[in-house]
Amino acid sequence: MNKGTSKTEKKQDSRALENKCWEFLKPLLEQLHKLVDRRIVKTLLDVVMVIPMHRNRNTGLLLSELGDHLLGGER
């Protein structure tokens, strides 16, 4: 996204990415839901969503950053 992109456009892009990830992962998530606890399934979806949304092109997404985004910065 460009620096000039409005908040509304960013939200729309984010929602579109979320929907694409959900549609892509839906069959896998449904199968996992039959085998494991729903919280694990939700965490997997969150991990997949965090990687493209919070990456840094220069340094890549650091593992500690990934954990921070998953925990919502509550540590």
N, C-alpha and C. Protein backbone atom coordinates (compact mmCIF):
# COMPACT_ATOMS: atom_id res chain seq x y z
N MET A 1 0.82 -1.18 0.00
CA MET A 1 0.00 0.00 0.00
C MET A 1 0.87 1.25 0.00
N ASN A 2 0.40 2.24 -0.67
CA ASN A 2 1.13 3.50 -0.73
C ASN A 2 0.88 4.30 0.54
N LYS A 3 1.79 5.26 0.80
CA LYS A 3 1.62 6.11 1.97
C LYS A 3 0.37 6.96 1.86
N GLY A 4 -0.07 7.26 0.66
CA GLY A 4 -1.24 8.10 0.45
C GLY A 4 -2.56 7.34 0.55
N THR A 5 -2.51 6.06 0.84
CA THR A 5 -3.71 5.25 0.92
C THR A 5 -4.50 5.63 2.17
N SER A 6 -5.80 5.84 2.01
CA SER A 6 -6.64 6.24 3.14
C SER A 6 -6.89 5.05 4.07
N LYS A 7 -7.34 5.36 5.27
CA LYS A 7 -7.64 4.31 6.25
C LYS A 7 -8.75 3.40 5.75
N THR A 8 -9.72 3.97 5.07
CA THR A 8 -10.82 3.18 4.54
C THR A 8 -10.33 2.19 3.51
N GLU A 9 -9.44 2.65 2.63
CA GLU A 9 -8.88 1.76 1.60
C GLU A 9 -8.04 0.66 2.24
N LYS A 10 -7.29 1.00 3.28
CA LYS A 10 -6.48 0.00 3.97
C LYS A 10 -7.38 -1.05 4.63
N LYS A 11 -8.48 -0.62 5.23
CA LYS A 11 -9.40 -1.56 5.85
C LYS A 11 -10.03 -2.48 4.80
N GLN A 12 -10.37 -1.91 3.65
CA GLN A 12 -10.95 -2.72 2.57
C GLN A 12 -9.94 -3.73 2.06
N ASP A 13 -8.69 -3.30 1.88
CA ASP A 13 -7.65 -4.22 1.43
C ASP A 13 -7.40 -5.32 2.45
N SER A 14 -7.40 -4.94 3.72
CA SER A 14 -7.19 -5.91 4.78
C SER A 14 -8.32 -6.93 4.82
N ARG A 15 -9.54 -6.46 4.69
CA ARG A 15 -10.70 -7.36 4.68
C ARG A 15 -10.65 -8.29 3.47
N ALA A 16 -10.23 -7.78 2.32
CA ALA A 16 -10.13 -8.61 1.11
C ALA A 16 -9.07 -9.70 1.30
N LEU A 17 -7.93 -9.34 1.89
CA LEU A 17 -6.89 -10.32 2.16
C LEU A 17 -7.38 -11.37 3.14
N GLU A 18 -8.08 -10.94 4.16
CA GLU A 18 -8.63 -11.87 5.16
C GLU A 18 -9.59 -12.85 4.49
N ASN A 19 -10.45 -12.36 3.62
CA ASN A 19 -11.41 -13.22 2.93
C ASN A 19 -10.71 -14.22 2.01
N LYS A 20 -9.67 -13.76 1.31
CA LYS A 20 -8.92 -14.66 0.42
C LYS A 20 -8.23 -15.76 1.23
N CYS A 21 -7.62 -15.39 2.34
CA CYS A 21 -6.97 -16.39 3.19
C CYS A 21 -7.99 -17.39 3.72
N TRP A 22 -9.13 -16.88 4.18
CA TRP A 22 -10.17 -17.75 4.70
C TRP A 22 -10.64 -18.74 3.64
N GLU A 23 -10.93 -18.26 2.44
CA GLU A 23 -11.40 -19.14 1.36
C GLU A 23 -10.34 -20.18 1.00
N PHE A 24 -9.09 -19.76 0.97
CA PHE A 24 -8.00 -20.67 0.62
C PHE A 24 -7.82 -21.75 1.69
N LEU A 25 -7.92 -21.38 2.95
CA LEU A 25 -7.64 -22.30 4.05
C LEU A 25 -8.88 -23.03 4.57
N LYS A 26 -10.05 -22.65 4.12
CA LYS A 26 -11.29 -23.21 4.65
C LYS A 26 -11.33 -24.74 4.66
N PRO A 27 -10.99 -25.43 3.57
CA PRO A 27 -11.03 -26.90 3.63
C PRO A 27 -10.08 -27.48 4.69
N LEU A 28 -8.88 -26.93 4.78
CA LEU A 28 -7.92 -27.40 5.78
C LEU A 28 -8.43 -27.13 7.20
N LEU A 29 -8.94 -25.92 7.42
CA LEU A 29 -9.43 -25.55 8.75
C LEU A 29 -10.62 -26.41 9.17
N GLU A 30 -11.48 -26.74 8.24
CA GLU A 30 -12.63 -27.59 8.56
C GLU A 30 -12.17 -28.99 8.96
N GLN A 31 -11.18 -29.52 8.25
CA GLN A 31 -10.65 -30.85 8.60
C GLN A 31 -9.94 -30.82 9.95
N LEU A 32 -9.15 -29.78 10.19
CA LEU A 32 -8.46 -29.66 11.47
C LEU A 32 -9.45 -29.52 12.63
N HIS A 33 -10.53 -28.81 12.39
CA HIS A 33 -11.54 -28.60 13.43
C HIS A 33 -12.13 -29.92 13.90
N LYS A 34 -12.18 -30.90 13.02
CA LYS A 34 -12.69 -32.23 13.38
C LYS A 34 -11.70 -32.99 14.26
N LEU A 35 -10.42 -32.64 14.15
CA LEU A 35 -9.37 -33.40 14.84
C LEU A 35 -8.82 -32.74 16.10
N VAL A 36 -8.77 -31.42 16.11
CA VAL A 36 -8.14 -30.72 17.22
C VAL A 36 -9.07 -29.63 17.75
N ASP A 37 -8.69 -29.07 18.88
CA ASP A 37 -9.45 -28.01 19.53
C ASP A 37 -9.56 -26.79 18.62
N ARG A 38 -10.67 -26.10 18.69
CA ARG A 38 -10.92 -24.94 17.82
C ARG A 38 -9.92 -23.81 18.06
N ARG A 39 -9.36 -23.72 19.27
CA ARG A 39 -8.39 -22.66 19.56
C ARG A 39 -7.12 -22.84 18.75
N ILE A 40 -6.74 -24.09 18.51
CA ILE A 40 -5.56 -24.36 17.69
C ILE A 40 -5.84 -23.98 16.24
N VAL A 41 -7.04 -24.28 15.78
CA VAL A 41 -7.43 -23.92 14.42
C VAL A 41 -7.42 -22.40 14.25
N LYS A 42 -7.93 -21.69 15.24
CA LYS A 42 -7.95 -20.22 15.20
C LYS A 42 -6.53 -19.66 15.20
N THR A 43 -5.65 -20.26 15.99
CA THR A 43 -4.27 -19.80 16.03
C THR A 43 -3.59 -19.99 14.68
N LEU A 44 -3.85 -21.11 14.02
CA LEU A 44 -3.28 -21.33 12.69
C LEU A 44 -3.75 -20.26 11.72
N LEU A 45 -5.02 -19.96 11.73
CA LEU A 45 -5.55 -18.92 10.85
C LEU A 45 -4.90 -17.57 11.18
N ASP A 46 -4.76 -17.28 12.46
CA ASP A 46 -4.12 -16.03 12.87
C ASP A 46 -2.68 -15.94 12.37
N VAL A 47 -1.94 -17.05 12.46
CA VAL A 47 -0.54 -17.06 12.00
C VAL A 47 -0.48 -16.76 10.51
N VAL A 48 -1.34 -17.40 9.75
CA VAL A 48 -1.34 -17.18 8.30
C VAL A 48 -1.70 -15.74 7.97
N MET A 49 -2.62 -15.16 8.73
CA MET A 49 -3.03 -13.78 8.48
C MET A 49 -1.94 -12.78 8.87
N VAL A 50 -1.22 -13.05 9.94
CA VAL A 50 -0.22 -12.11 10.45
C VAL A 50 0.97 -12.00 9.51
N ILE A 51 1.38 -13.09 8.91
CA ILE A 51 2.60 -13.08 8.09
C ILE A 51 2.53 -12.07 6.94
N PRO A 52 1.52 -12.12 6.07
CA PRO A 52 1.52 -11.12 4.99
C PRO A 52 1.15 -9.70 5.43
N MET A 53 0.39 -9.58 6.51
CA MET A 53 -0.08 -8.27 6.91
C MET A 53 0.95 -7.45 7.67
N HIS A 54 1.89 -8.12 8.35
CA HIS A 54 2.83 -7.41 9.21
C HIS A 54 4.29 -7.69 8.84
N ARG A 55 4.55 -7.89 7.61
CA ARG A 55 5.93 -8.17 7.22
C ARG A 55 6.66 -6.88 6.88
N ASN A 56 7.95 -6.95 6.95
CA ASN A 56 8.80 -5.82 6.62
C ASN A 56 9.67 -6.26 5.45
N ARG A 57 9.60 -5.59 4.34
CA ARG A 57 10.31 -6.01 3.14
C ARG A 57 11.83 -6.05 3.33
N ASN A 58 12.36 -5.15 4.14
CA ASN A 58 13.81 -5.08 4.30
C ASN A 58 14.37 -6.18 5.18
N THR A 59 13.71 -6.47 6.28
CA THR A 59 14.26 -7.43 7.24
C THR A 59 13.45 -8.70 7.35
N GLY A 60 12.28 -8.75 6.78
CA GLY A 60 11.42 -9.92 6.93
C GLY A 60 10.75 -9.89 8.29
N LEU A 61 9.81 -10.78 8.48
CA LEU A 61 9.08 -10.85 9.74
C LEU A 61 9.89 -11.68 10.74
N LEU A 62 10.28 -11.07 11.82
CA LEU A 62 11.04 -11.77 12.84
C LEU A 62 10.11 -12.62 13.69
N LEU A 63 10.62 -13.73 14.19
CA LEU A 63 9.80 -14.63 14.98
C LEU A 63 9.23 -13.94 16.21
N SER A 64 10.02 -13.07 16.84
CA SER A 64 9.51 -12.36 18.01
C SER A 64 8.38 -11.41 17.63
N GLU A 65 8.46 -10.82 16.45
CA GLU A 65 7.38 -9.95 15.98
C GLU A 65 6.12 -10.76 15.72
N LEU A 66 6.28 -11.95 15.16
CA LEU A 66 5.14 -12.82 14.91
C LEU A 66 4.42 -13.14 16.21
N GLY A 67 5.19 -13.52 17.23
CA GLY A 67 4.59 -13.82 18.52
C GLY A 67 3.89 -12.62 19.12
N ASP A 68 4.51 -11.46 18.97
CA ASP A 68 3.91 -10.23 19.49
C ASP A 68 2.57 -9.94 18.81
N HIS A 69 2.51 -10.11 17.51
CA HIS A 69 1.25 -9.85 16.80
C HIS A 69 0.19 -10.88 17.18
N LEU A 70 0.60 -12.13 17.37
CA LEU A 70 -0.37 -13.16 17.75
C LEU A 70 -0.93 -12.90 19.14
N LEU A 71 -0.09 -12.43 20.04
CA LEU A 71 -0.54 -12.16 21.40
C LEU A 71 -1.20 -10.79 21.54
N GLY A 72 -1.15 -10.02 20.47
CA GLY A 72 -1.77 -8.70 20.49
C GLY A 72 -1.00 -7.70 21.33
N GLY A 73 0.29 -7.94 21.53
CA GLY A 73 1.11 -7.01 22.29
C GLY A 73 0.77 -6.97 23.77
N GLU A 74 0.15 -8.03 24.28
CA GLU A 74 -0.30 -8.04 25.67
C GLU A 74 0.76 -8.55 26.65
N ARG A 75 1.94 -8.89 26.17
CA ARG A 75 2.95 -9.47 27.06
C ARG A 75 3.53 -8.45 27.96
